[in-house]
C-alpha atoms as a PDB file:
ATOM      1  CA  UNK A   1     -70.763-124.994  23.051  1.00  0.00           C
ATOM      2  CA  UNK A   2     -73.731-122.974  22.513  1.00  0.00           C
ATOM      3  CA  UNK A   3     -72.041-120.297  20.059  1.00  0.00           C
ATOM      4  CA  UNK A   4     -75.120-118.516  18.894  1.00  0.00           C
ATOM      5  CA  UNK A   5     -76.145-117.787  22.745  1.00  0.00           C
ATOM      6  CA  UNK A   6     -72.917-116.017  22.711  1.00  0.00           C
ATOM      7  CA  UNK A   7     -73.380-114.571  19.543  1.00  0.00           C
ATOM      8  CA  UNK A   8     -76.681-113.119  20.932  1.00  0.00           C
ATOM      9  CA  UNK A   9     -75.867-111.885  23.713  1.00  0.00           C
ATOM     10  CA  UNK A  10     -72.840-109.675  22.074  1.00  0.00           C
ATOM     11  CA  UNK A  11     -75.203-108.218  19.434  1.00  0.00           C
ATOM     12  CA  UNK A  12     -77.647-107.308  22.282  1.00  0.00           C
ATOM     13  CA  UNK A  13     -74.901-105.721  24.679  1.00  0.00           C
ATOM     14  CA  UNK A  14     -73.433-104.040  21.722  1.00  0.00           C
ATOM     15  CA  UNK A  15     -76.507-102.705  20.382  1.00  0.00           C
ATOM     16  CA  UNK A  16     -76.851-100.930  23.775  1.00  0.00           C
ATOM     17  CA  UNK A  17     -73.518 -99.683  24.326  1.00  0.00           C
ATOM     18  CA  UNK A  18     -73.472 -98.268  20.785  1.00  0.00           C
ATOM     19  CA  UNK A  19     -76.824 -96.322  21.655  1.00  0.00           C
ATOM     20  CA  UNK A  20     -75.290 -94.985  24.869  1.00  0.00           C
ATOM     21  CA  UNK A  21     -71.910 -94.112  23.513  1.00  0.00           C
ATOM     22  CA  UNK A  22     -73.285 -92.487  20.740  1.00  0.00           C
ATOM     23  CA  UNK A  23     -75.522 -90.242  22.759  1.00  0.00           C
ATOM     24  CA  UNK A  24     -72.684 -88.914  25.278  1.00  0.00           C
ATOM     25  CA  UNK A  25     -70.306 -88.375  22.673  1.00  0.00           C
ATOM     26  CA  UNK A  26     -72.798 -86.042  21.086  1.00  0.00           C
ATOM     27  CA  UNK A  27     -73.387 -83.876  24.136  1.00  0.00           C
ATOM     28  CA  UNK A  28     -69.939 -83.889  25.298  1.00  0.00           C
ATOM     29  CA  UNK A  29     -67.875 -84.039  21.669  1.00  0.00           C
ATOM     30  CA  UNK A  30     -65.067 -86.565  23.364  1.00  0.00           C
ATOM     31  CA  UNK A  31     -63.709 -88.303  20.513  1.00  0.00           C
ATOM     32  CA  UNK A  32     -62.654 -91.188  23.006  1.00  0.00           C
ATOM     33  CA  UNK A  33     -66.090 -91.625  23.580  1.00  0.00           C
ATOM     34  CA  UNK A  34     -66.844 -91.443  19.806  1.00  0.00           C
ATOM     35  CA  UNK A  35     -63.996 -93.876  19.394  1.00  0.00           C
ATOM     36  CA  UNK A  36     -65.940 -96.488  21.676  1.00  0.00           C
ATOM     37  CA  UNK A  37     -69.659 -96.041  20.054  1.00  0.00           C
ATOM     38  CA  UNK A  38     -67.821 -96.528  16.480  1.00  0.00           C
ATOM     39  CA  UNK A  39     -66.504 -99.843  17.803  1.00  0.00           C
ATOM     40  CA  UNK A  40     -69.512-100.696  19.385  1.00  0.00           C
ATOM     41  CA  UNK A  41     -71.230-100.178  16.089  1.00  0.00           C
ATOM     42  CA  UNK A  42     -68.649-102.647  14.359  1.00  0.00           C
ATOM     43  CA  UNK A  43     -68.926-105.320  17.084  1.00  0.00           C
ATOM     44  CA  UNK A  44     -72.694-105.197  16.383  1.00  0.00           C
ATOM     45  CA  UNK A  45     -72.198-105.520  12.618  1.00  0.00           C
ATOM     46  CA  UNK A  46     -69.295-108.004  13.318  1.00  0.00           C
ATOM     47  CA  UNK A  47     -71.712-110.213  15.571  1.00  0.00           C
ATOM     48  CA  UNK A  48     -74.457-109.917  12.813  1.00  0.00           C
ATOM     49  CA  UNK A  49     -71.590-111.141  10.183  1.00  0.00           C
ATOM     50  CA  UNK A  50     -70.681-114.011  12.555  1.00  0.00           C
ATOM     51  CA  UNK A  51     -74.618-115.436  13.055  1.00  0.00           C
ATOM     52  CA  UNK A  52     -74.645-115.339   9.589  1.00  0.00           C
ATOM     53  CA  UNK A  53     -72.077-117.769   9.056  1.00  0.00           C
ATOM     54  CA  UNK A  54     -73.198-120.182  11.939  1.00  0.00           C
ATOM     55  CA  UNK A  55     -76.490-120.128  10.111  1.00  0.00           C
ATOM     56  CA  UNK A  56     -74.739-120.402   6.577  1.00  0.00           C
ATOM     57  CA  UNK A  57     -72.852-123.302   7.340  1.00  0.00           C
ATOM     58  CA  UNK A  58     -75.371-125.389   8.694  1.00  0.00           C
ATOM     59  CA  UNK A  59     -77.101-126.111   5.259  1.00  0.00           C
ATOM     60  CA  UNK A  60     -76.307-129.539   4.136  1.00  0.00           C
ATOM     61  CA  UNK A  61     -74.160-130.574   0.817  1.00  0.00           C
ATOM     62  CA  UNK A  62     -74.997-129.852  -2.534  1.00  0.00           C
ATOM     63  CA  UNK A  63     -73.656-131.358  -6.012  1.00  0.00           C
ATOM     64  CA  UNK A  64     -71.074-127.804  -5.965  1.00  0.00           C
ATOM     65  CA  UNK A  65     -70.077-128.265  -2.317  1.00  0.00           C
ATOM     66  CA  UNK A  66     -70.212-131.934  -1.842  1.00  0.00           C
ATOM     67  CA  UNK A  67     -68.404-131.342   1.692  1.00  0.00           C
ATOM     68  CA  UNK A  68     -71.124-129.179   2.858  1.00  0.00           C
ATOM     69  CA  UNK A  69     -70.735-125.334   4.023  1.00  0.00           C
ATOM     70  CA  UNK A  70     -68.563-125.637   7.112  1.00  0.00           C
ATOM     71  CA  UNK A  71     -66.296-122.893   5.598  1.00  0.00           C
ATOM     72  CA  UNK A  72     -68.747-120.479   5.649  1.00  0.00           C
ATOM     73  CA  UNK A  73     -67.795-119.842   9.596  1.00  0.00           C
ATOM     74  CA  UNK A  74     -63.911-119.216   8.652  1.00  0.00           C
ATOM     75  CA  UNK A  75     -64.595-116.830   5.887  1.00  0.00           C
ATOM     76  CA  UNK A  76     -67.619-114.651   7.861  1.00  0.00           C
ATOM     77  CA  UNK A  77     -65.329-114.517  11.080  1.00  0.00           C
ATOM     78  CA  UNK A  78     -62.609-113.412   8.695  1.00  0.00           C
ATOM     79  CA  UNK A  79     -65.238-110.766   7.730  1.00  0.00           C
ATOM     80  CA  UNK A  80     -66.107-110.180  10.952  1.00  0.00           C
ATOM     81  CA  UNK A  81     -62.519-109.508  12.342  1.00  0.00           C
ATOM     82  CA  UNK A  82     -61.746-107.642   9.805  1.00  0.00           C
ATOM     83  CA  UNK A  83     -64.785-104.747  10.025  1.00  0.00           C
ATOM     84  CA  UNK A  84     -64.703-105.269  13.776  1.00  0.00           C
ATOM     85  CA  UNK A  85     -61.002-104.265  14.077  1.00  0.00           C
ATOM     86  CA  UNK A  86     -59.569-103.280  10.932  1.00  0.00           C
ATOM     87  CA  UNK A  87     -62.450-100.883   9.520  1.00  0.00           C
ATOM     88  CA  UNK A  88     -62.759 -99.619  13.222  1.00  0.00           C
ATOM     89  CA  UNK A  89     -59.665 -98.958  13.971  1.00  0.00           C
ATOM     90  CA  UNK A  90     -58.938 -97.041  10.763  1.00  0.00           C
ATOM     91  CA  UNK A  91     -62.434 -94.936  11.496  1.00  0.00           C
ATOM     92  CA  UNK A  92     -61.086 -94.031  15.160  1.00  0.00           C
ATOM     93  CA  UNK A  93     -57.844 -93.247  13.736  1.00  0.00           C
ATOM     94  CA  UNK A  94     -59.162 -90.603  11.044  1.00  0.00           C
ATOM     95  CA  UNK A  95     -61.402 -89.135  13.759  1.00  0.00           C
ATOM     96  CA  UNK A  96     -58.672 -88.931  16.231  1.00  0.00           C
ATOM     97  CA  UNK A  97     -56.566 -86.925  13.998  1.00  0.00           C
ATOM     98  CA  UNK A  98     -58.555 -84.188  13.403  1.00  0.00           C
ATOM     99  CA  UNK A  99     -59.019 -83.689  17.328  1.00  0.00           C
ATOM    100  CA  UNK A 100     -55.158 -83.665  17.942  1.00  0.00           C
ATOM    101  CA  UNK A 101     -54.821 -81.071  15.190  1.00  0.00           C
ATOM    102  CA  UNK A 102     -57.736 -79.146  15.949  1.00  0.00           C
ATOM    103  CA  UNK A 103     -58.636 -79.895  19.244  1.00  0.00           C
ATOM    104  CA  UNK A 104     -62.121 -78.909  20.297  1.00  0.00           C
ATOM    105  CA  UNK A 105     -63.662 -78.477  23.934  1.00  0.00           C
ATOM    106  CA  UNK A 106     -64.736 -81.062  25.740  1.00  0.00           C
ATOM    107  CA  UNK A 107     -67.883 -81.116  27.818  1.00  0.00           C
ATOM    108  CA  UNK A 108     -70.011 -83.441  30.204  1.00  0.00           C
ATOM    109  CA  UNK A 109     -66.865 -85.563  31.567  1.00  0.00           C
ATOM    110  CA  UNK A 110     -69.199 -86.788  33.744  1.00  0.00           C
ATOM    111  CA  UNK A 111     -71.461 -88.382  31.348  1.00  0.00           C
ATOM    112  CA  UNK A 112     -68.207 -89.528  29.496  1.00  0.00           C
ATOM    113  CA  UNK A 113     -66.331 -91.086  32.562  1.00  0.00           C
ATOM    114  CA  UNK A 114     -70.189 -93.076  33.660  1.00  0.00           C
ATOM    115  CA  UNK A 115     -70.260 -94.636  29.746  1.00  0.00           C
ATOM    116  CA  UNK A 116     -66.746 -95.316  29.603  1.00  0.00           C
ATOM    117  CA  UNK A 117     -67.954 -97.321  33.194  1.00  0.00           C
ATOM    118  CA  UNK A 118     -71.012 -98.739  31.319  1.00  0.00           C
ATOM    119  CA  UNK A 119     -68.867-100.304  28.607  1.00  0.00           C
ATOM    120  CA  UNK A 120     -66.595-102.023  30.673  1.00  0.00           C
ATOM    121  CA  UNK A 121     -69.439-103.054  32.725  1.00  0.00           C
ATOM    122  CA  UNK A 122     -70.881-104.197  29.612  1.00  0.00           C
ATOM    123  CA  UNK A 123     -68.013-106.042  28.316  1.00  0.00           C
ATOM    124  CA  UNK A 124     -67.370-108.168  31.611  1.00  0.00           C
ATOM    125  CA  UNK A 125     -70.649-109.185  30.933  1.00  0.00           C
ATOM    126  CA  UNK A 126     -70.184-110.629  27.400  1.00  0.00           C
ATOM    127  CA  UNK A 127     -66.862-112.343  28.859  1.00  0.00           C
ATOM    128  CA  UNK A 128     -69.005-114.073  31.633  1.00  0.00           C
ATOM    129  CA  UNK A 129     -71.110-115.298  28.878  1.00  0.00           C
ATOM    130  CA  UNK A 130     -68.732-116.912  26.939  1.00  0.00           C
ATOM    131  CA  UNK A 131     -67.140-118.116  30.026  1.00  0.00           C
ATOM    132  CA  UNK A 132     -70.370-120.136  31.219  1.00  0.00           C
ATOM    133  CA  UNK A 133     -70.887-121.495  27.867  1.00  0.00           C
ATOM    134  CA  UNK A 134     -67.681-122.859  27.858  1.00  0.00           C
ATOM    135  CA  UNK A 135     -68.554-124.200  31.507  1.00  0.00           C
ATOM    136  CA  UNK A 136     -71.675-125.755  30.213  1.00  0.00           C
ATOM    137  CA  UNK A 137     -69.720-127.424  27.320  1.00  0.00           C
ATOM    138  CA  UNK A 138     -67.008-128.718  29.645  1.00  0.00           C
ATOM    139  CA  UNK A 139     -64.597-126.832  27.419  1.00  0.00           C
ATOM    140  CA  UNK A 140     -61.600-124.229  29.217  1.00  0.00           C
ATOM    141  CA  UNK A 141     -60.587-120.966  28.162  1.00  0.00           C
ATOM    142  CA  UNK A 142     -57.446-122.410  27.554  1.00  0.00           C
ATOM    143  CA  UNK A 143     -59.589-124.852  23.936  1.00  0.00           C
ATOM    144  CA  UNK A 144     -61.340-122.406  23.117  1.00  0.00           C
ATOM    145  CA  UNK A 145     -58.167-120.099  22.438  1.00  0.00           C
ATOM    146  CA  UNK A 146     -56.564-123.597  20.851  1.00  0.00           C
ATOM    147  CA  UNK A 147     -59.297-124.327  18.727  1.00  0.00           C
ATOM    148  CA  UNK A 148     -60.300-123.190  14.906  1.00  0.00           C
ATOM    149  CA  UNK A 149     -63.489-121.680  16.551  1.00  0.00           C
ATOM    150  CA  UNK A 150     -62.663-118.076  14.907  1.00  0.00           C
ATOM    151  CA  UNK A 151     -65.886-116.327  15.862  1.00  0.00           C
ATOM    152  CA  UNK A 152     -66.013-116.753  19.137  1.00  0.00           C
ATOM    153  CA  UNK A 153     -62.159-116.080  19.632  1.00  0.00           C
ATOM    154  CA  UNK A 154     -63.370-112.896  17.723  1.00  0.00           C
ATOM    155  CA  UNK A 155     -66.098-112.095  20.420  1.00  0.00           C
ATOM    156  CA  UNK A 156     -63.660-112.829  23.226  1.00  0.00           C
ATOM    157  CA  UNK A 157     -61.215-110.334  22.062  1.00  0.00           C
ATOM    158  CA  UNK A 158     -63.294-107.817  20.979  1.00  0.00           C
ATOM    159  CA  UNK A 159     -64.323-107.976  24.962  1.00  0.00           C
ATOM    160  CA  UNK A 160     -60.690-107.738  26.019  1.00  0.00           C
ATOM    161  CA  UNK A 161     -59.684-104.782  23.584  1.00  0.00           C
ATOM    162  CA  UNK A 162     -63.120-102.795  24.462  1.00  0.00           C
ATOM    163  CA  UNK A 163     -61.795-103.464  28.195  1.00  0.00           C
ATOM    164  CA  UNK A 164     -58.230-101.972  27.256  1.00  0.00           C
ATOM    165  CA  UNK A 165     -59.306 -98.998  25.046  1.00  0.00           C
ATOM    166  CA  UNK A 166     -62.199 -98.089  28.122  1.00  0.00           C
ATOM    167  CA  UNK A 167     -58.908 -97.742  30.526  1.00  0.00           C
ATOM    168  CA  UNK A 168     -57.294 -95.929  27.961  1.00  0.00           C
ATOM    169  CA  UNK A 169     -60.432 -93.358  27.539  1.00  0.00           C
ATOM    170  CA  UNK A 170     -60.742 -93.301  31.168  1.00  0.00           C
ATOM    171  CA  UNK A 171     -57.133 -92.208  31.941  1.00  0.00           C
ATOM    172  CA  UNK A 172     -57.070 -89.785  29.186  1.00  0.00           C
ATOM    173  CA  UNK A 173     -60.793 -88.300  29.970  1.00  0.00           C
ATOM    174  CA  UNK A 174     -58.868 -87.453  33.717  1.00  0.00           C
ATOM    175  CA  UNK A 175     -55.960 -85.716  31.956  1.00  0.00           C
ATOM    176  CA  UNK A 176     -58.214 -83.787  30.133  1.00  0.00           C
ATOM    177  CA  UNK A 177     -60.025 -82.527  33.587  1.00  0.00           C
ATOM    178  CA  UNK A 178     -56.711 -82.119  35.263  1.00  0.00           C
ATOM    179  CA  UNK A 179     -54.978 -80.232  32.553  1.00  0.00           C
ATOM    180  CA  UNK A 180     -57.568 -78.756  30.227  1.00  0.00           C
ATOM    181  CA  UNK A 181     -55.544 -80.089  27.494  1.00  0.00           C
ATOM    182  CA  UNK A 182     -58.228 -81.060  24.623  1.00  0.00           C
ATOM    183  CA  UNK A 183     -55.746 -82.455  22.124  1.00  0.00           C
ATOM    184  CA  UNK A 184     -55.195 -85.244  24.990  1.00  0.00           C
ATOM    185  CA  UNK A 185     -58.737 -86.398  23.908  1.00  0.00           C
ATOM    186  CA  UNK A 186     -57.327 -86.963  20.245  1.00  0.00           C
ATOM    187  CA  UNK A 187     -54.743 -88.651  21.572  1.00  0.00           C
ATOM    188  CA  UNK A 188     -56.588 -91.051  23.245  1.00  0.00           C
ATOM    189  CA  UNK A 189     -58.684 -91.884  20.702  1.00  0.00           C
ATOM    190  CA  UNK A 190     -55.737 -92.349  18.338  1.00  0.00           C
ATOM    191  CA  UNK A 191     -54.165 -95.152  21.165  1.00  0.00           C
ATOM    192  CA  UNK A 192     -57.725 -96.842  20.910  1.00  0.00           C
ATOM    193  CA  UNK A 193     -57.586 -96.896  17.236  1.00  0.00           C
ATOM    194  CA  UNK A 194     -53.666 -98.451  17.048  1.00  0.00           C
ATOM    195  CA  UNK A 195     -55.094-101.071  19.679  1.00  0.00           C
ATOM    196  CA  UNK A 196     -58.263-101.922  17.412  1.00  0.00           C
ATOM    197  CA  UNK A 197     -56.045-102.236  14.419  1.00  0.00           C
ATOM    198  CA  UNK A 198     -53.293-104.106  15.989  1.00  0.00           C
ATOM    199  CA  UNK A 199     -55.515-106.669  17.095  1.00  0.00           C
ATOM    200  CA  UNK A 200     -57.217-107.349  13.633  1.00  0.00           C
ATOM    201  CA  UNK A 201     -54.297-108.042  12.263  1.00  0.00           C
ATOM    202  CA  UNK A 202     -53.452-110.920  14.419  1.00  0.00           C
ATOM    203  CA  UNK A 203     -57.013-112.174  14.083  1.00  0.00           C
ATOM    204  CA  UNK A 204     -57.321-111.833  10.229  1.00  0.00           C
ATOM    205  CA  UNK A 205     -53.798-112.966   9.722  1.00  0.00           C
ATOM    206  CA  UNK A 206     -54.760-116.328  12.208  1.00  0.00           C
ATOM    207  CA  UNK A 207     -58.115-116.325   9.705  1.00  0.00           C
ATOM    208  CA  UNK A 208     -56.066-117.037   6.314  1.00  0.00           C
ATOM    209  CA  UNK A 209     -54.580-120.003   7.377  1.00  0.00           C
ATOM    210  CA  UNK A 210     -58.207-121.854   8.022  1.00  0.00           C
ATOM    211  CA  UNK A 211     -59.760-120.025   5.272  1.00  0.00           C
ATOM    212  CA  UNK A 212     -56.847-121.563   2.719  1.00  0.00           C
ATOM    213  CA  UNK A 213     -56.858-125.128   4.682  1.00  0.00           C
ATOM    214  CA  UNK A 214     -55.538-126.139   7.750  1.00  0.00           C
ATOM    215  CA  UNK A 215     -54.525-129.325   9.166  1.00  0.00           C
ATOM    216  CA  UNK A 216     -55.587-130.976  12.399  1.00  0.00           C
ATOM    217  CA  UNK A 217     -53.277-130.329  15.314  1.00  0.00           C
ATOM    218  CA  UNK A 218     -50.081-132.451  15.070  1.00  0.00           C
ATOM    219  CA  UNK A 219     -51.317-134.165  18.652  1.00  0.00           C
ATOM    220  CA  UNK A 220     -55.089-135.543  17.040  1.00  0.00           C
ATOM    221  CA  UNK A 221     -52.872-136.745  14.254  1.00  0.00           C
ATOM    222  CA  UNK A 222     -50.672-138.502  16.070  1.00  0.00           C
ATOM    223  CA  UNK A 223     -53.178-139.888  18.143  1.00  0.00           C
ATOM    224  CA  UNK A 224     -55.271-141.153  15.175  1.00  0.00           C
ATOM    225  CA  UNK A 225     -52.490-143.035  13.579  1.00  0.00           C
ATOM    226  CA  UNK A 226     -52.429-144.523  17.135  1.00  0.00           C
ATOM    227  CA  UNK A 227     -55.327-145.629  16.881  1.00  0.00           C
ATOM    228  CA  UNK A 228     -55.511-146.800  13.547  1.00  0.00           C
ATOM    229  CA  UNK A 229     -52.475-148.969  13.895  1.00  0.00           C
ATOM    230  CA  UNK A 230     -54.280-150.862  16.993  1.00  0.00           C
ATOM    231  CA  UNK A 231     -56.337-152.815  14.202  1.00  0.00           C
ATOM    232  CA  UNK A 232     -54.938-155.977  13.703  1.00  0.00           C
ATOM    233  CA  UNK A 233     -55.571-155.945  10.061  1.00  0.00           C
ATOM    234  CA  UNK A 234     -53.365-152.489   9.300  1.00  0.00           C
ATOM    235  CA  UNK A 235     -49.884-153.417   8.241  1.00  0.00           C
ATOM    236  CA  UNK A 236     -48.891-149.682   7.727  1.00  0.00           C
ATOM    237  CA  UNK A 237     -50.563-146.003   7.411  1.00  0.00           C
ATOM    238  CA  UNK A 238     -48.761-144.667   4.247  1.00  0.00           C
ATOM    239  CA  UNK A 239     -49.730-141.491   4.408  1.00  0.00           C
ATOM    240  CA  UNK A 240     -52.238-139.232   6.347  1.00  0.00           C
ATOM    241  CA  UNK A 241     -54.074-135.966   4.710  1.00  0.00           C
ATOM    242  CA  UNK A 242     -56.698-133.582   6.679  1.00  0.00           C
ATOM    243  CA  UNK A 243     -58.219-130.625   6.602  1.00  0.00           C
ATOM    244  CA  UNK A 244     -60.460-128.180   9.198  1.00  0.00           C
ATOM    245  CA  UNK A 245     -63.591-127.316   7.111  1.00  0.00           C
ATOM    246  CA  UNK A 246     -65.340-126.031  10.000  1.00  0.00           C
ATOM    247  CA  UNK A 247     -64.673-124.929  13.650  1.00  0.00           C
ATOM    248  CA  UNK A 248     -66.247-128.760  14.382  1.00  0.00           C
ATOM    249  CA  UNK A 249     -66.054-130.285  10.874  1.00  0.00           C
ATOM    250  CA  UNK A 250     -62.679-132.014   9.494  1.00  0.00           C
ATOM    251  CA  UNK A 251     -61.555-133.926   6.060  1.00  0.00           C
ATOM    252  CA  UNK A 252     -59.559-136.889   6.760  1.00  0.00           C
ATOM    253  CA  UNK A 253     -57.879-139.078   3.726  1.00  0.00           C
ATOM    254  CA  UNK A 254     -55.983-141.793   4.485  1.00  0.00           C
ATOM    255  CA  UNK A 255     -54.074-143.989   2.548  1.00  0.00           C
ATOM    256  CA  UNK A 256     -53.731-147.778   4.636  1.00  0.00           C
ATOM    257  CA  UNK A 257     -51.453-150.683   3.569  1.00  0.00           C
ATOM    258  CA  UNK A 258     -53.580-153.996   4.909  1.00  0.00           C
ATOM    259  CA  UNK A 259     -51.670-156.784   5.719  1.00  0.00           C
ATOM    260  CA  UNK A 260     -51.422-159.275   2.918  1.00  0.00           C
ATOM    261  CA  UNK A 261     -53.567-162.499   2.431  1.00  0.00           C
ATOM    262  CA  UNK A 262     -56.869-160.315   3.457  1.00  0.00           C
ATOM    263  CA  UNK A 263     -59.692-160.803   1.213  1.00  0.00           C
ATOM    264  CA  UNK A 264     -62.256-157.520  -0.368  1.00  0.00           C
ATOM    265  CA  UNK A 265     -64.623-158.745   2.347  1.00  0.00           C
ATOM    266  CA  UNK A 266     -62.187-158.348   5.134  1.00  0.00           C
ATOM    267  CA  UNK A 267     -60.218-155.164   3.834  1.00  0.00           C
ATOM    268  CA  UNK A 268     -63.825-153.460   3.282  1.00  0.00           C
ATOM    269  CA  UNK A 269     -64.942-154.838   7.187  1.00  0.00           C
ATOM    270  CA  UNK A 270     -61.674-153.365   8.556  1.00  0.00           C
ATOM    271  CA  UNK A 271     -62.353-149.727   6.901  1.00  0.00           C
ATOM    272  CA  UNK A 272     -65.848-149.936   8.793  1.00  0.00           C
ATOM    273  CA  UNK A 273     -64.260-150.519  11.609  1.00  0.00           C
ATOM    274  CA  UNK A 274     -61.074-147.593  11.342  1.00  0.00           C
ATOM    275  CA  UNK A 275     -63.844-145.494   9.722  1.00  0.00           C
ATOM    276  CA  UNK A 276     -66.364-146.162  13.156  1.00  0.00           C
ATOM    277  CA  UNK A 277     -63.890-145.883  15.300  1.00  0.00           C
ATOM    278  CA  UNK A 278     -62.530-142.892  14.162  1.00  0.00           C
ATOM    279  CA  UNK A 279     -65.566-140.767  14.185  1.00  0.00           C
ATOM    280  CA  UNK A 280     -66.678-142.153  17.861  1.00  0.00           C
ATOM    281  CA  UNK A 281     -63.346-140.701  19.194  1.00  0.00           C
ATOM    282  CA  UNK A 282     -62.951-137.651  17.287  1.00  0.00           C
ATOM    283  CA  UNK A 283     -66.517-136.609  16.392  1.00  0.00           C
ATOM    284  CA  UNK A 284     -64.797-133.335  14.334  1.00  0.00           C
ATOM    285  CA  UNK A 285     -63.856-135.910  11.798  1.00  0.00           C
ATOM    286  CA  UNK A 286     -67.240-136.048   9.589  1.00  0.00           C
ATOM    287  CA  UNK A 287     -65.849-137.146   6.597  1.00  0.00           C
ATOM    288  CA  UNK A 288     -63.182-140.130   6.276  1.00  0.00           C
ATOM    289  CA  UNK A 289     -61.557-141.500   2.922  1.00  0.00           C
ATOM    290  CA  UNK A 290     -59.362-144.629   2.990  1.00  0.00           C
ATOM    291  CA  UNK A 291     -57.498-145.775   0.210  1.00  0.00           C
ATOM    292  CA  UNK A 292     -56.798-149.351   0.853  1.00  0.00           C
ATOM    293  CA  UNK A 293     -53.145-150.765  -0.212  1.00  0.00           C
ATOM    294  CA  UNK A 294     -52.271-154.321  -0.148  1.00  0.00           C
END
């Protein structure tokens, strides 16, 4: 999947959205719209972090990092989620409390409603870009959500949360128009902050598993075992250990018991065959270590 296209689209769309929301927030004094501006800004920063992670992970292996830099994507995805959702949520909550305790008048409601609608439109475009790239790469949305691609999942959830936040903001502004109660604007912003924090907690918790070293999906591991045991020289796979080094990069360590009476050359040939078949069937297996036993 062309991840960089999705990331660049996110950066461009959120830059435009931040400018529009900030301008309207200044003229309307709406804290709900200001919350959208803060979120757009943190989305923008998050997109830059994801892009940096994508570029940093492409660096070749070094003596200090013999398995490459694939985990850079996990780290920067974690950082992006932390900034985009957690920091943004705290900022929005802090700002909303002031409006709730000391309500200030909200003006230019029409412009505020219009920019909230624009935010929804931009988020829909962002989701469309992600889904289009999934179709191009012949993947489904379910496969993305089940994958280790934390960066793209973060972007997808950013757009969903933006839409949900816009619905809350739109409803809150309509209540302000109907009732004239400006404290509702603070309540609306507070709800948006809670939504951001909740999403941030979920995404950062999931990112933690990849940072500390998550194994391949058990279904994939069983399929790998089946493939290895099809080799006629293999008696038994005694140990299979794996770790994801990136969304499309995994380490596989095997202890294989080969049949007795095999020569060293035959065992080496078997190891080469197993390695080739595994890499052909599972391109994610970029690092394969096989310890033979007889």
